[in-house]
């Protein structure tokens, strides 16, 4: 079995598809998005508490639910991210980003 550290985003998304797609598809995009939002809120709580173990768990859950949502709406996360970011900031086109906020 491949270690997660050696896994590409597409491989992780495919793993989530194999494990959860049937349930996620039944739930639909809006329902799956609602679960993602709930996990992001839990991540926020873990960040406020500065609880490293909880942060690790919640980051993993956010990534899993994001991949699941992308599967439901048929988006390749790895492709989308690489097209948009292409090794530079998509707004200012610089590395590191020099956008003013």
PDB file of N, CA and C in Angstrom:
ATOM      1  N   UNK A   1       0.839  -1.190   0.000  1.00  0.00           N
ATOM      2  CA  UNK A   1       0.000   0.000   0.000  1.00  0.00           C
ATOM      3  C   UNK A   1       0.876   1.243   0.000  1.00  0.00           C
ATOM      4  N   UNK A   2       0.507   2.206  -0.764  1.00  0.00           N
ATOM      5  CA  UNK A   2       1.254   3.448  -0.878  1.00  0.00           C
ATOM      6  C   UNK A   2       1.055   4.316   0.359  1.00  0.00           C
ATOM      7  N   UNK A   3       2.143   4.885   0.845  1.00  0.00           N
ATOM      8  CA  UNK A   3       2.034   5.804   1.980  1.00  0.00           C
ATOM      9  C   UNK A   3       1.407   7.101   1.503  1.00  0.00           C
ATOM     10  N   UNK A   4       0.647   7.741   2.381  1.00  0.00           N
ATOM     11  CA  UNK A   4      -0.017   8.995   2.026  1.00  0.00           C
ATOM     12  C   UNK A   4       0.999  10.051   1.623  1.00  0.00           C
ATOM     13  N   UNK A   5       2.182  10.068   2.253  1.00  0.00           N
ATOM     14  CA  UNK A   5       3.201  11.060   1.933  1.00  0.00           C
ATOM     15  C   UNK A   5       3.684  10.979   0.499  1.00  0.00           C
ATOM     16  N   UNK A   6       3.486   9.837  -0.132  1.00  0.00           N
ATOM     17  CA  UNK A   6       3.916   9.649  -1.510  1.00  0.00           C
ATOM     18  C   UNK A   6       2.770   9.829  -2.504  1.00  0.00           C
ATOM     19  N   UNK A   7       1.642  10.261  -2.020  1.00  0.00           N
ATOM     20  CA  UNK A   7       0.433  10.313  -2.826  1.00  0.00           C
ATOM     21  C   UNK A   7       0.248  11.703  -3.431  1.00  0.00           C
ATOM     22  N   UNK A   8      -0.146  11.741  -4.690  1.00  0.00           N
ATOM     23  CA  UNK A   8      -0.504  12.990  -5.355  1.00  0.00           C
ATOM     24  C   UNK A   8      -1.949  13.346  -5.006  1.00  0.00           C
ATOM     25  N   UNK A   9      -2.306  14.600  -5.220  1.00  0.00           N
ATOM     26  CA  UNK A   9      -3.670  15.044  -4.941  1.00  0.00           C
ATOM     27  C   UNK A   9      -4.674  14.178  -5.699  1.00  0.00           C
ATOM     28  N   UNK A  10      -4.404  13.892  -6.958  1.00  0.00           N
ATOM     29  CA  UNK A  10      -5.332  13.086  -7.771  1.00  0.00           C
ATOM     30  C   UNK A  10      -5.499  11.687  -7.167  1.00  0.00           C
ATOM     31  N   UNK A  11      -4.422  11.120  -6.668  1.00  0.00           N
ATOM     32  CA  UNK A  11      -4.508   9.791  -6.064  1.00  0.00           C
ATOM     33  C   UNK A  11      -5.343   9.830  -4.776  1.00  0.00           C
ATOM     34  N   UNK A  12      -5.163  10.890  -3.985  1.00  0.00           N
ATOM     35  CA  UNK A  12      -5.971  11.038  -2.782  1.00  0.00           C
ATOM     36  C   UNK A  12      -7.441  11.198  -3.159  1.00  0.00           C
ATOM     37  N   UNK A  13      -7.718  12.021  -4.171  1.00  0.00           N
ATOM     38  CA  UNK A  13      -9.096  12.214  -4.613  1.00  0.00           C
ATOM     39  C   UNK A  13      -9.682  10.893  -5.104  1.00  0.00           C
ATOM     40  N   UNK A  14      -8.898  10.119  -5.820  1.00  0.00           N
ATOM     41  CA  UNK A  14      -9.382   8.811  -6.288  1.00  0.00           C
ATOM     42  C   UNK A  14      -9.660   7.872  -5.120  1.00  0.00           C
ATOM     43  N   UNK A  15      -8.811   7.926  -4.083  1.00  0.00           N
ATOM     44  CA  UNK A  15      -9.040   7.106  -2.900  1.00  0.00           C
ATOM     45  C   UNK A  15     -10.363   7.488  -2.237  1.00  0.00           C
ATOM     46  N   UNK A  16     -10.626   8.790  -2.106  1.00  0.00           N
ATOM     47  CA  UNK A  16     -11.889   9.241  -1.523  1.00  0.00           C
ATOM     48  C   UNK A  16     -13.061   8.786  -2.391  1.00  0.00           C
ATOM     49  N   UNK A  17     -12.878   8.767  -3.703  1.00  0.00           N
ATOM     50  CA  UNK A  17     -13.923   8.299  -4.620  1.00  0.00           C
ATOM     51  C   UNK A  17     -14.229   6.831  -4.358  1.00  0.00           C
ATOM     52  N   UNK A  18     -13.187   6.021  -4.249  1.00  0.00           N
ATOM     53  CA  UNK A  18     -13.388   4.585  -4.005  1.00  0.00           C
ATOM     54  C   UNK A  18     -14.096   4.343  -2.677  1.00  0.00           C
ATOM     55  N   UNK A  19     -13.737   5.110  -1.667  1.00  0.00           N
ATOM     56  CA  UNK A  19     -14.287   4.875  -0.328  1.00  0.00           C
ATOM     57  C   UNK A  19     -15.698   5.452  -0.170  1.00  0.00           C
ATOM     58  N   UNK A  20     -15.925   6.679  -0.674  1.00  0.00           N
ATOM     59  CA  UNK A  20     -17.128   7.425  -0.287  1.00  0.00           C
ATOM     60  C   UNK A  20     -18.054   7.868  -1.414  1.00  0.00           C
ATOM     61  N   UNK A  21     -17.686   7.666  -2.684  1.00  0.00           N
ATOM     62  CA  UNK A  21     -18.463   8.301  -3.750  1.00  0.00           C
ATOM     63  C   UNK A  21     -19.938   7.927  -3.722  1.00  0.00           C
ATOM     64  N   UNK A  22     -20.251   6.666  -3.510  1.00  0.00           N
ATOM     65  CA  UNK A  22     -21.663   6.272  -3.539  1.00  0.00           C
ATOM     66  C   UNK A  22     -22.476   7.080  -2.524  1.00  0.00           C
ATOM     67  N   UNK A  23     -21.961   7.207  -1.307  1.00  0.00           N
ATOM     68  CA  UNK A  23     -22.672   7.971  -0.270  1.00  0.00           C
ATOM     69  C   UNK A  23     -22.682   9.462  -0.588  1.00  0.00           C
ATOM     70  N   UNK A  24     -21.543   9.979  -1.069  1.00  0.00           N
ATOM     71  CA  UNK A  24     -21.465  11.407  -1.379  1.00  0.00           C
ATOM     72  C   UNK A  24     -22.401  11.770  -2.531  1.00  0.00           C
ATOM     73  N   UNK A  25     -22.453  10.919  -3.537  1.00  0.00           N
ATOM     74  CA  UNK A  25     -23.330  11.176  -4.680  1.00  0.00           C
ATOM     75  C   UNK A  25     -24.787  11.199  -4.233  1.00  0.00           C
ATOM     76  N   UNK A  26     -25.158  10.277  -3.366  1.00  0.00           N
ATOM     77  CA  UNK A  26     -26.526  10.238  -2.841  1.00  0.00           C
ATOM     78  C   UNK A  26     -26.837  11.503  -2.046  1.00  0.00           C
ATOM     79  N   UNK A  27     -25.866  11.986  -1.295  1.00  0.00           N
ATOM     80  CA  UNK A  27     -26.044  13.193  -0.471  1.00  0.00           C
ATOM     81  C   UNK A  27     -26.156  14.423  -1.372  1.00  0.00           C
ATOM     82  N   UNK A  28     -25.450  14.429  -2.491  1.00  0.00           N
ATOM     83  CA  UNK A  28     -25.473  15.544  -3.430  1.00  0.00           C
ATOM     84  C   UNK A  28     -24.451  16.610  -3.092  1.00  0.00           C
ATOM     85  N   UNK A  29     -24.297  17.556  -4.008  1.00  0.00           N
ATOM     86  CA  UNK A  29     -23.289  18.600  -3.868  1.00  0.00           C
ATOM     87  C   UNK A  29     -23.558  19.500  -2.664  1.00  0.00           C
ATOM     88  N   UNK A  30     -24.783  19.914  -2.476  1.00  0.00           N
ATOM     89  CA  UNK A  30     -25.097  20.835  -1.375  1.00  0.00           C
ATOM     90  C   UNK A  30     -24.889  20.144  -0.037  1.00  0.00           C
ATOM     91  N   UNK A  31     -25.357  18.927   0.101  1.00  0.00           N
ATOM     92  CA  UNK A  31     -25.173  18.188   1.342  1.00  0.00           C
ATOM     93  C   UNK A  31     -23.706  17.922   1.641  1.00  0.00           C
ATOM     94  N   UNK A  32     -22.936  17.586   0.617  1.00  0.00           N
ATOM     95  CA  UNK A  32     -21.506  17.344   0.793  1.00  0.00           C
ATOM     96  C   UNK A  32     -20.796  18.643   1.135  1.00  0.00           C
ATOM     97  N   UNK A  33     -21.197  19.740   0.516  1.00  0.00           N
ATOM     98  CA  UNK A  33     -20.637  21.050   0.855  1.00  0.00           C
ATOM     99  C   UNK A  33     -20.921  21.387   2.319  1.00  0.00           C
ATOM    100  N   UNK A  34     -22.121  21.102   2.783  1.00  0.00           N
ATOM    101  CA  UNK A  34     -22.460  21.371   4.183  1.00  0.00           C
ATOM    102  C   UNK A  34     -21.532  20.614   5.130  1.00  0.00           C
ATOM    103  N   UNK A  35     -21.187  19.364   4.805  1.00  0.00           N
ATOM    104  CA  UNK A  35     -20.249  18.602   5.629  1.00  0.00           C
ATOM    105  C   UNK A  35     -18.867  19.247   5.597  1.00  0.00           C
ATOM    106  N   UNK A  36     -18.438  19.719   4.418  1.00  0.00           N
ATOM    107  CA  UNK A  36     -17.144  20.400   4.304  1.00  0.00           C
ATOM    108  C   UNK A  36     -17.114  21.626   5.201  1.00  0.00           C
ATOM    109  N   UNK A  37     -18.169  22.421   5.177  1.00  0.00           N
ATOM    110  CA  UNK A  37     -18.241  23.628   6.012  1.00  0.00           C
ATOM    111  C   UNK A  37     -18.166  23.250   7.489  1.00  0.00           C
ATOM    112  N   UNK A  38     -18.844  22.195   7.878  1.00  0.00           N
ATOM    113  CA  UNK A  38     -18.791  21.749   9.271  1.00  0.00           C
ATOM    114  C   UNK A  38     -17.365  21.372   9.671  1.00  0.00           C
ATOM    115  N   UNK A  39     -16.650  20.701   8.771  1.00  0.00           N
ATOM    116  CA  UNK A  39     -15.258  20.324   9.067  1.00  0.00           C
ATOM    117  C   UNK A  39     -14.353  21.559   9.136  1.00  0.00           C
ATOM    118  N   UNK A  40     -14.609  22.554   8.308  1.00  0.00           N
ATOM    119  CA  UNK A  40     -13.823  23.792   8.366  1.00  0.00           C
ATOM    120  C   UNK A  40     -14.064  24.493   9.699  1.00  0.00           C
ATOM    121  N   UNK A  41     -15.295  24.489  10.162  1.00  0.00           N
ATOM    122  CA  UNK A  41     -15.601  25.082  11.473  1.00  0.00           C
ATOM    123  C   UNK A  41     -14.879  24.328  12.590  1.00  0.00           C
ATOM    124  N   UNK A  42     -14.829  23.010  12.500  1.00  0.00           N
ATOM    125  CA  UNK A  42     -14.107  22.215  13.496  1.00  0.00           C
ATOM    126  C   UNK A  42     -12.606  22.504  13.439  1.00  0.00           C
ATOM    127  N   UNK A  43     -12.083  22.722  12.245  1.00  0.00           N
ATOM    128  CA  UNK A  43     -10.673  23.114  12.105  1.00  0.00           C
ATOM    129  C   UNK A  43     -10.433  24.454  12.788  1.00  0.00           C
ATOM    130  N   UNK A  44     -11.345  25.385  12.606  1.00  0.00           N
ATOM    131  CA  UNK A  44     -11.231  26.690  13.249  1.00  0.00           C
ATOM    132  C   UNK A  44     -11.172  26.564  14.757  1.00  0.00           C
ATOM    133  N   UNK A  45     -11.986  25.696  15.312  1.00  0.00           N
ATOM    134  CA  UNK A  45     -11.964  25.476  16.763  1.00  0.00           C
ATOM    135  C   UNK A  45     -10.630  24.884  17.205  1.00  0.00           C
ATOM    136  N   UNK A  46     -10.121  23.923  16.453  1.00  0.00           N
ATOM    137  CA  UNK A  46      -8.833  23.308  16.793  1.00  0.00           C
ATOM    138  C   UNK A  46      -7.703  24.336  16.725  1.00  0.00           C
ATOM    139  N   UNK A  47      -7.781  25.238  15.745  1.00  0.00           N
ATOM    140  CA  UNK A  47      -6.777  26.296  15.630  1.00  0.00           C
ATOM    141  C   UNK A  47      -6.832  27.231  16.835  1.00  0.00           C
ATOM    142  N   UNK A  48      -8.024  27.599  17.248  1.00  0.00           N
ATOM    143  CA  UNK A  48      -8.181  28.480  18.412  1.00  0.00           C
ATOM    144  C   UNK A  48      -7.642  27.825  19.674  1.00  0.00           C
ATOM    145  N   UNK A  49      -7.850  26.515  19.788  1.00  0.00           N
ATOM    146  CA  UNK A  49      -7.390  25.783  20.966  1.00  0.00           C
ATOM    147  C   UNK A  49      -5.893  25.454  20.898  1.00  0.00           C
ATOM    148  N   UNK A  50      -5.305  25.634  19.717  1.00  0.00           N
ATOM    149  CA  UNK A  50      -3.896  25.287  19.485  1.00  0.00           C
ATOM    150  C   UNK A  50      -3.623  23.822  19.818  1.00  0.00           C
ATOM    151  N   UNK A  51      -4.582  22.979  19.457  1.00  0.00           N
ATOM    152  CA  UNK A  51      -4.509  21.551  19.712  1.00  0.00           C
ATOM    153  C   UNK A  51      -3.959  20.873  18.458  1.00  0.00           C
ATOM    154  N   UNK A  52      -2.688  20.501  18.492  1.00  0.00           N
ATOM    155  CA  UNK A  52      -2.019  19.971  17.304  1.00  0.00           C
ATOM    156  C   UNK A  52      -2.688  18.707  16.778  1.00  0.00           C
ATOM    157  N   UNK A  53      -3.015  17.761  17.635  1.00  0.00           N
ATOM    158  CA  UNK A  53      -3.645  16.518  17.186  1.00  0.00           C
ATOM    159  C   UNK A  53      -4.998  16.808  16.540  1.00  0.00           C
ATOM    160  N   UNK A  54      -5.792  17.668  17.164  1.00  0.00           N
ATOM    161  CA  UNK A  54      -7.097  18.025  16.591  1.00  0.00           C
ATOM    162  C   UNK A  54      -6.914  18.758  15.261  1.00  0.00           C
ATOM    163  N   UNK A  55      -5.902  19.640  15.170  1.00  0.00           N
ATOM    164  CA  UNK A  55      -5.652  20.335  13.905  1.00  0.00           C
ATOM    165  C   UNK A  55      -5.308  19.336  12.806  1.00  0.00           C
ATOM    166  N   UNK A  56      -4.430  18.381  13.103  1.00  0.00           N
ATOM    167  CA  UNK A  56      -4.068  17.368  12.103  1.00  0.00           C
ATOM    168  C   UNK A  56      -5.303  16.608  11.638  1.00  0.00           C
ATOM    169  N   UNK A  57      -6.130  16.182  12.595  1.00  0.00           N
ATOM    170  CA  UNK A  57      -7.354  15.445  12.239  1.00  0.00           C
ATOM    171  C   UNK A  57      -8.291  16.293  11.392  1.00  0.00           C
ATOM    172  N   UNK A  58      -8.467  17.553  11.767  1.00  0.00           N
ATOM    173  CA  UNK A  58      -9.410  18.408  11.045  1.00  0.00           C
ATOM    174  C   UNK A  58      -8.879  18.818   9.675  1.00  0.00           C
ATOM    175  N   UNK A  59      -7.569  19.063   9.554  1.00  0.00           N
ATOM    176  CA  UNK A  59      -7.006  19.321   8.220  1.00  0.00           C
ATOM    177  C   UNK A  59      -7.270  18.119   7.318  1.00  0.00           C
ATOM    178  N   UNK A  60      -7.076  16.906   7.844  1.00  0.00           N
ATOM    179  CA  UNK A  60      -7.330  15.696   7.061  1.00  0.00           C
ATOM    180  C   UNK A  60      -8.801  15.608   6.660  1.00  0.00           C
ATOM    181  N   UNK A  61      -9.693  15.913   7.608  1.00  0.00           N
ATOM    182  CA  UNK A  61     -11.126  15.866   7.299  1.00  0.00           C
ATOM    183  C   UNK A  61     -11.510  16.907   6.247  1.00  0.00           C
ATOM    184  N   UNK A  62     -10.965  18.108   6.352  1.00  0.00           N
ATOM    185  CA  UNK A  62     -11.255  19.156   5.360  1.00  0.00           C
ATOM    186  C   UNK A  62     -10.790  18.709   3.979  1.00  0.00           C
ATOM    187  N   UNK A  63      -9.585  18.162   3.913  1.00  0.00           N
ATOM    188  CA  UNK A  63      -9.068  17.692   2.623  1.00  0.00           C
ATOM    189  C   UNK A  63      -9.943  16.571   2.064  1.00  0.00           C
ATOM    190  N   UNK A  64     -10.358  15.645   2.925  1.00  0.00           N
ATOM    191  CA  UNK A  64     -11.193  14.532   2.476  1.00  0.00           C
ATOM    192  C   UNK A  64     -12.544  15.027   1.954  1.00  0.00           C
ATOM    193  N   UNK A  65     -13.178  15.942   2.688  1.00  0.00           N
ATOM    194  CA  UNK A  65     -14.486  16.441   2.251  1.00  0.00           C
ATOM    195  C   UNK A  65     -14.366  17.318   1.010  1.00  0.00           C
ATOM    196  N   UNK A  66     -13.264  18.049   0.868  1.00  0.00           N
ATOM    197  CA  UNK A  66     -13.042  18.832  -0.348  1.00  0.00           C
ATOM    198  C   UNK A  66     -12.904  17.897  -1.545  1.00  0.00           C
ATOM    199  N   UNK A  67     -12.142  16.829  -1.378  1.00  0.00           N
ATOM    200  CA  UNK A  67     -11.993  15.846  -2.460  1.00  0.00           C
ATOM    201  C   UNK A  67     -13.337  15.193  -2.779  1.00  0.00           C
ATOM    202  N   UNK A  68     -14.110  14.874  -1.742  1.00  0.00           N
ATOM    203  CA  UNK A  68     -15.422  14.268  -1.966  1.00  0.00           C
ATOM    204  C   UNK A  68     -16.356  15.199  -2.730  1.00  0.00           C
ATOM    205  N   UNK A  69     -16.358  16.467  -2.354  1.00  0.00           N
ATOM    206  CA  UNK A  69     -17.194  17.436  -3.068  1.00  0.00           C
ATOM    207  C   UNK A  69     -16.745  17.563  -4.518  1.00  0.00           C
ATOM    208  N   UNK A  70     -15.438  17.617  -4.738  1.00  0.00           N
ATOM    209  CA  UNK A  70     -14.933  17.689  -6.114  1.00  0.00           C
ATOM    210  C   UNK A  70     -15.366  16.456  -6.900  1.00  0.00           C
ATOM    211  N   UNK A  71     -15.369  15.297  -6.266  1.00  0.00           N
ATOM    212  CA  UNK A  71     -15.828  14.085  -6.952  1.00  0.00           C
ATOM    213  C   UNK A  71     -17.295  14.187  -7.342  1.00  0.00           C
ATOM    214  N   UNK A  72     -18.115  14.696  -6.437  1.00  0.00           N
ATOM    215  CA  UNK A  72     -19.553  14.800  -6.709  1.00  0.00           C
ATOM    216  C   UNK A  72     -19.814  15.712  -7.902  1.00  0.00           C
ATOM    217  N   UNK A  73     -19.041  16.789  -8.035  1.00  0.00           N
ATOM    218  CA  UNK A  73     -19.265  17.736  -9.137  1.00  0.00           C
ATOM    219  C   UNK A  73     -18.303  17.514 -10.303  1.00  0.00           C
ATOM    220  N   UNK A  74     -17.547  16.395 -10.247  1.00  0.00           N
ATOM    221  CA  UNK A  74     -16.670  15.979 -11.338  1.00  0.00           C
ATOM    222  C   UNK A  74     -15.574  16.996 -11.666  1.00  0.00           C
ATOM    223  N   UNK A  75     -14.876  17.446 -10.627  1.00  0.00           N
ATOM    224  CA  UNK A  75     -13.739  18.354 -10.795  1.00  0.00           C
ATOM    225  C   UNK A  75     -12.472  17.629 -10.369  1.00  0.00           C
ATOM    226  N   UNK A  76     -11.436  17.697 -11.191  1.00  0.00           N
ATOM    227  CA  UNK A  76     -10.124  17.143 -10.866  1.00  0.00           C
ATOM    228  C   UNK A  76      -9.369  18.209 -10.077  1.00  0.00           C
ATOM    229  N   UNK A  77      -9.253  18.017  -8.761  1.00  0.00           N
ATOM    230  CA  UNK A  77      -8.626  19.019  -7.893  1.00  0.00           C
ATOM    231  C   UNK A  77      -7.188  19.326  -8.297  1.00  0.00           C
ATOM    232  N   UNK A  78      -6.419  18.295  -8.567  1.00  0.00           N
ATOM    233  CA  UNK A  78      -5.014  18.505  -8.918  1.00  0.00           C
ATOM    234  C   UNK A  78      -4.893  19.350 -10.179  1.00  0.00           C
ATOM    235  N   UNK A  79      -5.662  19.014 -11.197  1.00  0.00           N
ATOM    236  CA  UNK A  79      -5.631  19.760 -12.461  1.00  0.00           C
ATOM    237  C   UNK A  79      -6.074  21.206 -12.242  1.00  0.00           C
ATOM    238  N   UNK A  80      -7.167  21.389 -11.526  1.00  0.00           N
ATOM    239  CA  UNK A  80      -7.684  22.748 -11.290  1.00  0.00           C
ATOM    240  C   UNK A  80      -6.669  23.600 -10.546  1.00  0.00           C
ATOM    241  N   UNK A  81      -6.039  23.028  -9.509  1.00  0.00           N
ATOM    242  CA  UNK A  81      -5.064  23.787  -8.718  1.00  0.00           C
ATOM    243  C   UNK A  81      -3.833  24.140  -9.550  1.00  0.00           C
ATOM    244  N   UNK A  82      -3.353  23.190 -10.327  1.00  0.00           N
ATOM    245  CA  UNK A  82      -2.157  23.457 -11.137  1.00  0.00           C
ATOM    246  C   UNK A  82      -2.431  24.470 -12.240  1.00  0.00           C
ATOM    247  N   UNK A  83      -3.610  24.412 -12.837  1.00  0.00           N
ATOM    248  CA  UNK A  83      -3.951  25.395 -13.871  1.00  0.00           C
ATOM    249  C   UNK A  83      -4.045  26.786 -13.268  1.00  0.00           C
ATOM    250  N   UNK A  84      -4.705  26.901 -12.123  1.00  0.00           N
ATOM    251  CA  UNK A  84      -4.899  28.227 -11.533  1.00  0.00           C
ATOM    252  C   UNK A  84      -3.605  28.808 -10.969  1.00  0.00           C
ATOM    253  N   UNK A  85      -2.831  28.009 -10.255  1.00  0.00           N
ATOM    254  CA  UNK A  85      -1.666  28.547  -9.543  1.00  0.00           C
ATOM    255  C   UNK A  85      -0.370  28.433 -10.336  1.00  0.00           C
ATOM    256  N   UNK A  86      -0.161  27.429 -11.130  1.00  0.00           N
ATOM    257  CA  UNK A  86       0.949  27.306 -12.069  1.00  0.00           C
ATOM    258  C   UNK A  86       2.266  27.873 -11.525  1.00  0.00           C
ATOM    259  N   UNK A  87       2.592  27.540 -10.282  1.00  0.00           N
ATOM    260  CA  UNK A  87       3.849  27.930  -9.637  1.00  0.00           C
ATOM    261  C   UNK A  87       4.020  29.424  -9.417  1.00  0.00           C
ATOM    262  N   UNK A  88       2.913  30.161  -9.382  1.00  0.00           N
ATOM    263  CA  UNK A  88       2.991  31.596  -9.101  1.00  0.00           C
ATOM    264  C   UNK A  88       1.634  32.081  -8.607  1.00  0.00           C
ATOM    265  N   UNK A  89       1.623  33.275  -8.041  1.00  0.00           N
ATOM    266  CA  UNK A  89       0.371  33.871  -7.605  1.00  0.00           C
ATOM    267  C   UNK A  89      -0.490  34.146  -8.842  1.00  0.00           C
ATOM    268  N   UNK A  90      -1.742  33.714  -8.842  1.00  0.00           N
ATOM    269  CA  UNK A  90      -2.574  33.931 -10.026  1.00  0.00           C
ATOM    270  C   UNK A  90      -2.960  35.392 -10.245  1.00  0.00           C
ATOM    271  N   UNK A  91      -2.809  36.240  -9.228  1.00  0.00           N
ATOM    272  CA  UNK A  91      -3.177  37.654  -9.381  1.00  0.00           C
ATOM    273  C   UNK A  91      -2.001  38.497  -9.846  1.00  0.00           C
ATOM    274  N   UNK A  92      -0.902  38.453  -9.087  1.00  0.00           N
ATOM    275  CA  UNK A  92       0.239  39.314  -9.427  1.00  0.00           C
ATOM    276  C   UNK A  92       1.280  38.612 -10.291  1.00  0.00           C
ATOM    277  N   UNK A  93       1.142  37.301 -10.442  1.00  0.00           N
ATOM    278  CA  UNK A  93       2.051  36.482 -11.235  1.00  0.00           C
ATOM    279  C   UNK A  93       3.467  36.414 -10.655  1.00  0.00           C
ATOM    280  N   UNK A  94       3.628  36.714  -9.378  1.00  0.00           N
ATOM    281  CA  UNK A  94       4.943  36.743  -8.731  1.00  0.00           C
ATOM    282  C   UNK A  94       5.129  35.567  -7.778  1.00  0.00           C
ATOM    283  N   UNK A  95       6.426  35.259  -7.503  1.00  0.00           N
ATOM    284  CA  UNK A  95       6.843  34.308  -6.486  1.00  0.00           C
ATOM    285  C   UNK A  95       7.907  34.989  -5.650  1.00  0.00           C
ATOM    286  N   UNK A  96       7.747  35.242  -4.379  1.00  0.00           N
ATOM    287  CA  UNK A  96       6.492  35.093  -3.630  1.00  0.00           C
ATOM    288  C   UNK A  96       5.494  36.149  -4.045  1.00  0.00           C
ATOM    289  N   UNK A  97       4.268  35.957  -3.624  1.00  0.00           N
ATOM    290  CA  UNK A  97       3.194  36.901  -3.924  1.00  0.00           C
ATOM    291  C   UNK A  97       3.555  38.301  -3.445  1.00  0.00           C
ATOM    292  N   UNK A  98       3.278  39.281  -4.295  1.00  0.00           N
ATOM    293  CA  UNK A  98       3.535  40.688  -3.940  1.00  0.00           C
ATOM    294  C   UNK A  98       2.255  41.509  -3.982  1.00  0.00           C
ATOM    295  N   UNK A  99       1.107  40.824  -3.934  1.00  0.00           N
ATOM    296  CA  UNK A  99      -0.176  41.523  -3.937  1.00  0.00           C
ATOM    297  C   UNK A  99      -0.277  42.400  -2.682  1.00  0.00           C
ATOM    298  N   UNK A 100      -0.855  43.568  -2.862  1.00  0.00           N
ATOM    299  CA  UNK A 100      -1.093  44.415  -1.690  1.00  0.00           C
ATOM    300  C   UNK A 100      -2.497  44.139  -1.186  1.00  0.00           C
ATOM    301  N   UNK A 101      -2.650  44.155   0.122  1.00  0.00           N
ATOM    302  CA  UNK A 101      -3.964  43.868   0.716  1.00  0.00           C
ATOM    303  C   UNK A 101      -4.457  45.071   1.467  1.00  0.00           C
TER     304      UNK A 101
END
